[in-house]
C-alpha atoms as a PDB file:
ATOM      1  CA  MET A   1    -193.255 -52.108  30.639  1.00  0.00           C
ATOM      2  CA  ASN A   2    -191.532 -55.352  32.669  1.00  0.00           C
ATOM      3  CA  PHE A   3    -188.340 -56.273  30.285  1.00  0.00           C
ATOM      4  CA  CYS A   4    -187.877 -59.137  32.381  1.00  0.00           C
ATOM      5  CA  VAL A   5    -190.823 -60.807  30.798  1.00  0.00           C
ATOM      6  CA  MET A   6    -190.536 -59.940  27.513  1.00  0.00           C
ATOM      7  CA  LYS A   7    -190.259 -62.677  24.745  1.00  0.00           C
ATOM      8  CA  SER A   8    -189.479 -60.580  21.857  1.00  0.00           C
ATOM      9  CA  PHE A   9    -188.518 -56.920  20.735  1.00  0.00           C
ATOM     10  CA  TYR A  10    -188.633 -55.473  17.472  1.00  0.00           C
ATOM     11  CA  VAL A  11    -187.032 -51.710  17.010  1.00  0.00           C
ATOM     12  CA  THR A  12    -187.044 -49.690  13.856  1.00  0.00           C
ATOM     13  CA  THR A  13    -185.573 -46.413  13.062  1.00  0.00           C
ATOM     14  CA  PRO A  14    -187.370 -43.931  10.603  1.00  0.00           C
ATOM     15  CA  ILE A  15    -187.166 -44.867   7.026  1.00  0.00           C
ATOM     16  CA  PHE A  16    -184.569 -42.595   5.961  1.00  0.00           C
ATOM     17  CA  TYR A  17    -185.401 -40.186   2.859  1.00  0.00           C
ATOM     18  CA  ALA A  18    -182.974 -41.704   0.178  1.00  0.00           C
ATOM     19  CA  ASN A  19    -182.096 -38.044  -1.149  1.00  0.00           C
ATOM     20  CA  ASP A  20    -178.692 -37.746   0.520  1.00  0.00           C
ATOM     21  CA  LEU A  21    -176.187 -39.673   2.690  1.00  0.00           C
ATOM     22  CA  PRO A  22    -177.086 -40.210   6.240  1.00  0.00           C
ATOM     23  CA  HIS A  23    -176.182 -36.769   8.716  1.00  0.00           C
ATOM     24  CA  VAL A  24    -176.590 -36.076  12.192  1.00  0.00           C
ATOM     25  CA  GLY A  25    -180.140 -36.903  12.869  1.00  0.00           C
ATOM     26  CA  THR A  26    -180.028 -39.949  10.793  1.00  0.00           C
ATOM     27  CA  SER A  27    -177.186 -41.167  12.739  1.00  0.00           C
ATOM     28  CA  TYR A  28    -178.671 -40.621  15.924  1.00  0.00           C
ATOM     29  CA  THR A  29    -181.761 -42.305  15.311  1.00  0.00           C
ATOM     30  CA  VAL A  30    -179.509 -45.368  14.140  1.00  0.00           C
ATOM     31  CA  PHE A  31    -177.264 -45.380  16.952  1.00  0.00           C
ATOM     32  CA  ILE A  32    -180.141 -45.426  19.421  1.00  0.00           C
ATOM     33  CA  ALA A  33    -181.821 -48.129  17.853  1.00  0.00           C
ATOM     34  CA  ASP A  34    -178.951 -50.066  17.581  1.00  0.00           C
ATOM     35  CA  THR A  35    -178.382 -49.934  21.568  1.00  0.00           C
ATOM     36  CA  LEU A  36    -181.387 -50.882  22.337  1.00  0.00           C
ATOM     37  CA  ALA A  37    -181.073 -54.189  20.278  1.00  0.00           C
ATOM     38  CA  ARG A  38    -178.110 -54.827  21.497  1.00  0.00           C
ATOM     39  CA  TYR A  39    -179.294 -54.714  25.087  1.00  0.00           C
ATOM     40  CA  PHE A  40    -182.392 -57.060  24.361  1.00  0.00           C
ATOM     41  CA  ARG A  41    -179.995 -59.155  22.280  1.00  0.00           C
ATOM     42  CA  LYS A  42    -178.266 -59.974  25.460  1.00  0.00           C
ATOM     43  CA  LYS A  43    -181.327 -60.530  27.736  1.00  0.00           C
ATOM     44  CA  ILE A  44    -183.781 -62.372  25.686  1.00  0.00           C
ATOM     45  CA  GLY A  45    -181.314 -63.941  23.369  1.00  0.00           C
ATOM     46  CA  ALA A  46    -180.383 -62.589  19.535  1.00  0.00           C
ATOM     47  CA  GLU A  47    -183.266 -65.079  18.248  1.00  0.00           C
ATOM     48  CA  ASN A  48    -185.864 -62.918  20.037  1.00  0.00           C
ATOM     49  CA  VAL A  49    -184.866 -59.442  18.595  1.00  0.00           C
ATOM     50  CA  LEU A  50    -185.224 -57.746  15.089  1.00  0.00           C
ATOM     51  CA  PHE A  51    -183.721 -54.637  14.404  1.00  0.00           C
ATOM     52  CA  LEU A  52    -185.024 -52.986  11.141  1.00  0.00           C
ATOM     53  CA  THR A  53    -183.492 -49.821   9.234  1.00  0.00           C
ATOM     54  CA  GLY A  54    -183.784 -49.061   5.853  1.00  0.00           C
ATOM     55  CA  THR A  55    -184.771 -46.092   3.454  1.00  0.00           C
ATOM     56  CA  ASP A  56    -187.622 -44.610   1.891  1.00  0.00           C
ATOM     57  CA  GLU A  57    -186.567 -43.765  -1.972  1.00  0.00           C
ATOM     58  CA  HIS A  58    -190.176 -42.375  -3.389  1.00  0.00           C
ATOM     59  CA  GLY A  59    -190.900 -38.366  -2.925  1.00  0.00           C
ATOM     60  CA  ALA A  60    -190.061 -35.166  -4.490  1.00  0.00           C
ATOM     61  CA  LYS A  61    -186.555 -34.690  -2.921  1.00  0.00           C
ATOM     62  CA  VAL A  62    -185.483 -37.974  -4.034  1.00  0.00           C
ATOM     63  CA  GLU A  63    -186.179 -36.918  -7.419  1.00  0.00           C
ATOM     64  CA  LYS A  64    -185.255 -33.402  -7.075  1.00  0.00           C
ATOM     65  CA  SER A  65    -181.752 -34.829  -5.952  1.00  0.00           C
ATOM     66  CA  ALA A  66    -181.605 -37.192  -8.872  1.00  0.00           C
ATOM     67  CA  LEU A  67    -182.085 -34.780 -11.077  1.00  0.00           C
ATOM     68  CA  ALA A  68    -179.637 -32.534 -10.040  1.00  0.00           C
ATOM     69  CA  ARG A  69    -176.837 -35.335 -10.109  1.00  0.00           C
ATOM     70  CA  GLY A  70    -177.958 -35.872 -13.770  1.00  0.00           C
ATOM     71  CA  THR A  71    -179.523 -39.417 -13.073  1.00  0.00           C
ATOM     72  CA  THR A  72    -182.645 -41.564 -12.596  1.00  0.00           C
ATOM     73  CA  PRO A  73    -184.390 -41.743  -9.313  1.00  0.00           C
ATOM     74  CA  LYS A  74    -183.498 -45.467  -9.555  1.00  0.00           C
ATOM     75  CA  GLN A  75    -179.940 -45.176 -10.052  1.00  0.00           C
ATOM     76  CA  PHE A  76    -179.557 -42.389  -7.683  1.00  0.00           C
ATOM     77  CA  VAL A  77    -181.149 -44.557  -4.740  1.00  0.00           C
ATOM     78  CA  ASP A  78    -179.606 -47.754  -5.761  1.00  0.00           C
ATOM     79  CA  GLU A  79    -176.334 -45.856  -4.906  1.00  0.00           C
ATOM     80  CA  ILE A  80    -177.759 -43.924  -1.516  1.00  0.00           C
ATOM     81  CA  ALA A  81    -178.850 -46.743  -0.412  1.00  0.00           C
ATOM     82  CA  ALA A  82    -175.839 -48.592  -0.734  1.00  0.00           C
ATOM     83  CA  LYS A  83    -174.077 -45.795   0.996  1.00  0.00           C
ATOM     84  CA  PHE A  84    -176.462 -46.276   4.059  1.00  0.00           C
ATOM     85  CA  GLN A  85    -175.742 -49.544   4.159  1.00  0.00           C
ATOM     86  CA  GLU A  86    -172.111 -49.580   3.912  1.00  0.00           C
ATOM     87  CA  ILE A  87    -171.698 -46.360   6.323  1.00  0.00           C
ATOM     88  CA  TRP A  88    -173.740 -48.317   9.203  1.00  0.00           C
ATOM     89  CA  SER A  89    -171.351 -51.357   8.691  1.00  0.00           C
ATOM     90  CA  GLU A  90    -168.312 -49.042   9.200  1.00  0.00           C
ATOM     91  CA  VAL A  91    -169.736 -47.979  12.316  1.00  0.00           C
ATOM     92  CA  GLY A  92    -170.650 -51.309  13.432  1.00  0.00           C
ATOM     93  CA  ILE A  93    -174.633 -50.616  13.245  1.00  0.00           C
ATOM     94  CA  SER A  94    -175.646 -54.268  13.927  1.00  0.00           C
ATOM     95  CA  TYR A  95    -179.187 -54.406  12.312  1.00  0.00           C
ATOM     96  CA  ASP A  96    -180.961 -57.381  11.179  1.00  0.00           C
ATOM     97  CA  TYR A  97    -182.650 -56.463   7.818  1.00  0.00           C
ATOM     98  CA  PHE A  98    -182.490 -53.172   5.630  1.00  0.00           C
ATOM     99  CA  MET A  99    -185.857 -52.719   3.688  1.00  0.00           C
ATOM    100  CA  ARG A 100    -185.664 -50.458   0.971  1.00  0.00           C
ATOM    101  CA  THR A 101    -189.117 -49.227  -0.220  1.00  0.00           C
ATOM    102  CA  THR A 102    -188.225 -50.186  -3.769  1.00  0.00           C
ATOM    103  CA  HIS A 103    -187.490 -53.739  -2.515  1.00  0.00           C
ATOM    104  CA  PRO A 104    -190.358 -56.426  -4.198  1.00  0.00           C
ATOM    105  CA  GLN A 105    -191.067 -58.113  -1.481  1.00  0.00           C
ATOM    106  CA  HIS A 106    -191.982 -54.195   0.391  1.00  0.00           C
ATOM    107  CA  VAL A 107    -193.801 -53.101  -2.821  1.00  0.00           C
ATOM    108  CA  LYS A 108    -195.834 -56.651  -2.832  1.00  0.00           C
ATOM    109  CA  TYR A 109    -197.047 -56.100   0.424  1.00  0.00           C
ATOM    110  CA  ALA A 110    -197.926 -52.326   0.525  1.00  0.00           C
ATOM    111  CA  GLN A 111    -199.972 -53.557  -2.792  1.00  0.00           C
ATOM    112  CA  TRP A 112    -201.489 -56.308  -0.923  1.00  0.00           C
ATOM    113  CA  PHE A 113    -202.423 -54.149   2.075  1.00  0.00           C
ATOM    114  CA  ILE A 114    -203.442 -50.927   0.052  1.00  0.00           C
ATOM    115  CA  GLN A 115    -206.028 -53.465  -2.000  1.00  0.00           C
ATOM    116  CA  LYS A 116    -206.970 -54.583   1.323  1.00  0.00           C
ATOM    117  CA  ALA A 117    -207.870 -51.401   3.219  1.00  0.00           C
ATOM    118  CA  TYR A 118    -210.047 -50.356  -0.475  1.00  0.00           C
ATOM    119  CA  ASP A 119    -211.321 -53.608  -0.399  1.00  0.00           C
ATOM    120  CA  ASN A 120    -212.941 -53.056   3.301  1.00  0.00           C
ATOM    121  CA  GLY A 121    -213.890 -49.397   2.134  1.00  0.00           C
ATOM    122  CA  ASP A 122    -210.844 -47.755   4.521  1.00  0.00           C
ATOM    123  CA  LEU A 123    -209.955 -45.683   1.751  1.00  0.00           C
ATOM    124  CA  TYR A 124    -211.700 -43.169  -0.468  1.00  0.00           C
ATOM    125  CA  GLU A 125    -211.031 -40.912  -3.283  1.00  0.00           C
ATOM    126  CA  GLY A 126    -210.634 -36.794  -2.361  1.00  0.00           C
ATOM    127  CA  VAL A 127    -208.532 -33.591  -3.337  1.00  0.00           C
ATOM    128  CA  TYR A 128    -205.924 -32.039  -0.639  1.00  0.00           C
ATOM    129  CA  LYS A 129    -205.309 -28.574  -1.094  1.00  0.00           C
ATOM    130  CA  GLY A 130    -202.786 -26.252   0.938  1.00  0.00           C
ATOM    131  CA  LEU A 131    -199.431 -24.998   1.362  1.00  0.00           C
ATOM    132  CA  TYR A 132    -196.768 -27.545   0.592  1.00  0.00           C
ATOM    133  CA  CYS A 133    -193.344 -27.821   2.221  1.00  0.00           C
ATOM    134  CA  GLU A 134    -190.734 -29.786  -0.122  1.00  0.00           C
ATOM    135  CA  GLY A 135    -188.446 -30.108   2.867  1.00  0.00           C
ATOM    136  CA  CYS A 136    -190.765 -31.267   5.327  1.00  0.00           C
ATOM    137  CA  GLU A 137    -192.389 -33.435   2.340  1.00  0.00           C
ATOM    138  CA  ALA A 138    -195.868 -32.274   3.760  1.00  0.00           C
ATOM    139  CA  TYR A 139    -198.801 -29.545   4.074  1.00  0.00           C
ATOM    140  CA  CYS A 140    -198.005 -27.020   6.757  1.00  0.00           C
ATOM    141  CA  LYS A 141    -201.567 -25.945   8.565  1.00  0.00           C
ATOM    142  CA  ASP A 142    -201.868 -22.245   8.794  1.00  0.00           C
ATOM    143  CA  THR A 143    -201.599 -22.049  12.031  1.00  0.00           C
ATOM    144  CA  ASP A 144    -198.445 -23.940  12.089  1.00  0.00           C
ATOM    145  CA  LEU A 145    -196.555 -20.935   9.718  1.00  0.00           C
ATOM    146  CA  ILE A 146    -194.247 -18.442  11.555  1.00  0.00           C
ATOM    147  CA  ASP A 147    -194.233 -15.181   9.186  1.00  0.00           C
ATOM    148  CA  GLY A 148    -196.052 -17.385   6.349  1.00  0.00           C
ATOM    149  CA  LYS A 149    -193.046 -19.756   6.581  1.00  0.00           C
ATOM    150  CA  CYS A 150    -192.284 -23.092   7.495  1.00  0.00           C
ATOM    151  CA  PRO A 151    -191.299 -23.464  10.759  1.00  0.00           C
ATOM    152  CA  ASN A 152    -188.888 -26.016   9.931  1.00  0.00           C
ATOM    153  CA  HIS A 153    -187.584 -24.503   6.628  1.00  0.00           C
ATOM    154  CA  PRO A 154    -187.886 -20.765   6.804  1.00  0.00           C
ATOM    155  CA  ASN A 155    -185.674 -20.279   3.958  1.00  0.00           C
ATOM    156  CA  LYS A 156    -187.564 -22.505   1.456  1.00  0.00           C
ATOM    157  CA  THR A 157    -190.550 -21.127  -0.565  1.00  0.00           C
ATOM    158  CA  LEU A 158    -193.924 -22.794   0.460  1.00  0.00           C
ATOM    159  CA  VAL A 159    -196.074 -23.848  -2.717  1.00  0.00           C
ATOM    160  CA  LEU A 160    -199.459 -24.303  -3.086  1.00  0.00           C
ATOM    161  CA  MET A 161    -200.724 -27.377  -4.272  1.00  0.00           C
ATOM    162  CA  GLU A 162    -203.533 -29.511  -5.209  1.00  0.00           C
ATOM    163  CA  GLU A 163    -203.286 -32.864  -5.737  1.00  0.00           C
ATOM    164  CA  LYS A 164    -206.129 -35.957  -5.741  1.00  0.00           C
ATOM    165  CA  ASN A 165    -205.342 -38.708  -3.377  1.00  0.00           C
ATOM    166  CA  TYR A 166    -206.729 -41.555  -1.350  1.00  0.00           C
ATOM    167  CA  PHE A 167    -207.807 -40.928   2.343  1.00  0.00           C
ATOM    168  CA  PHE A 168    -207.570 -43.513   4.745  1.00  0.00           C
ATOM    169  CA  ARG A 169    -210.957 -43.618   6.831  1.00  0.00           C
ATOM    170  CA  LEU A 170    -209.624 -43.370  10.184  1.00  0.00           C
ATOM    171  CA  SER A 171    -213.012 -42.202  11.800  1.00  0.00           C
ATOM    172  CA  LYS A 172    -214.425 -45.462  11.067  1.00  0.00           C
ATOM    173  CA  TYR A 173    -212.217 -47.084  13.750  1.00  0.00           C
ATOM    174  CA  ARG A 174    -213.344 -44.794  16.708  1.00  0.00           C
END
């Protein structure tokens, strides 16, 4: 990629789970994104750069953390998101936009996108069954397990789950 001819630059961090405060992993990625945003603001102008970060405020980890604190998930994520923003401000992170998955703008766009995908026949209903790792918030394949455990969370017990889901028909776009 020739950086000299770029006219705009967009960088985002992962949208961090709002189940706890930032840690080394979240800090590392936000520092890298911040460094890139600062570099490109100098190269192509601040008006041509967008740096987004934020929090994913849904999922089992968030609910479990809120219950452990004796609060609702909404109250919990409001506190955690504010702490993320406070900490990033304290260390001088220069993001342009902090997106929360509970923000009405995000909810509206997600609903629009999902409806459009559904109307296009890109979504279909199905059942997913497998071993679920709460730490990863993902299903584990048997081939990925080490001694029957998640390689990323070997101290967590995998749960056999079965749930109805909507799936994206990716094969339509091959």
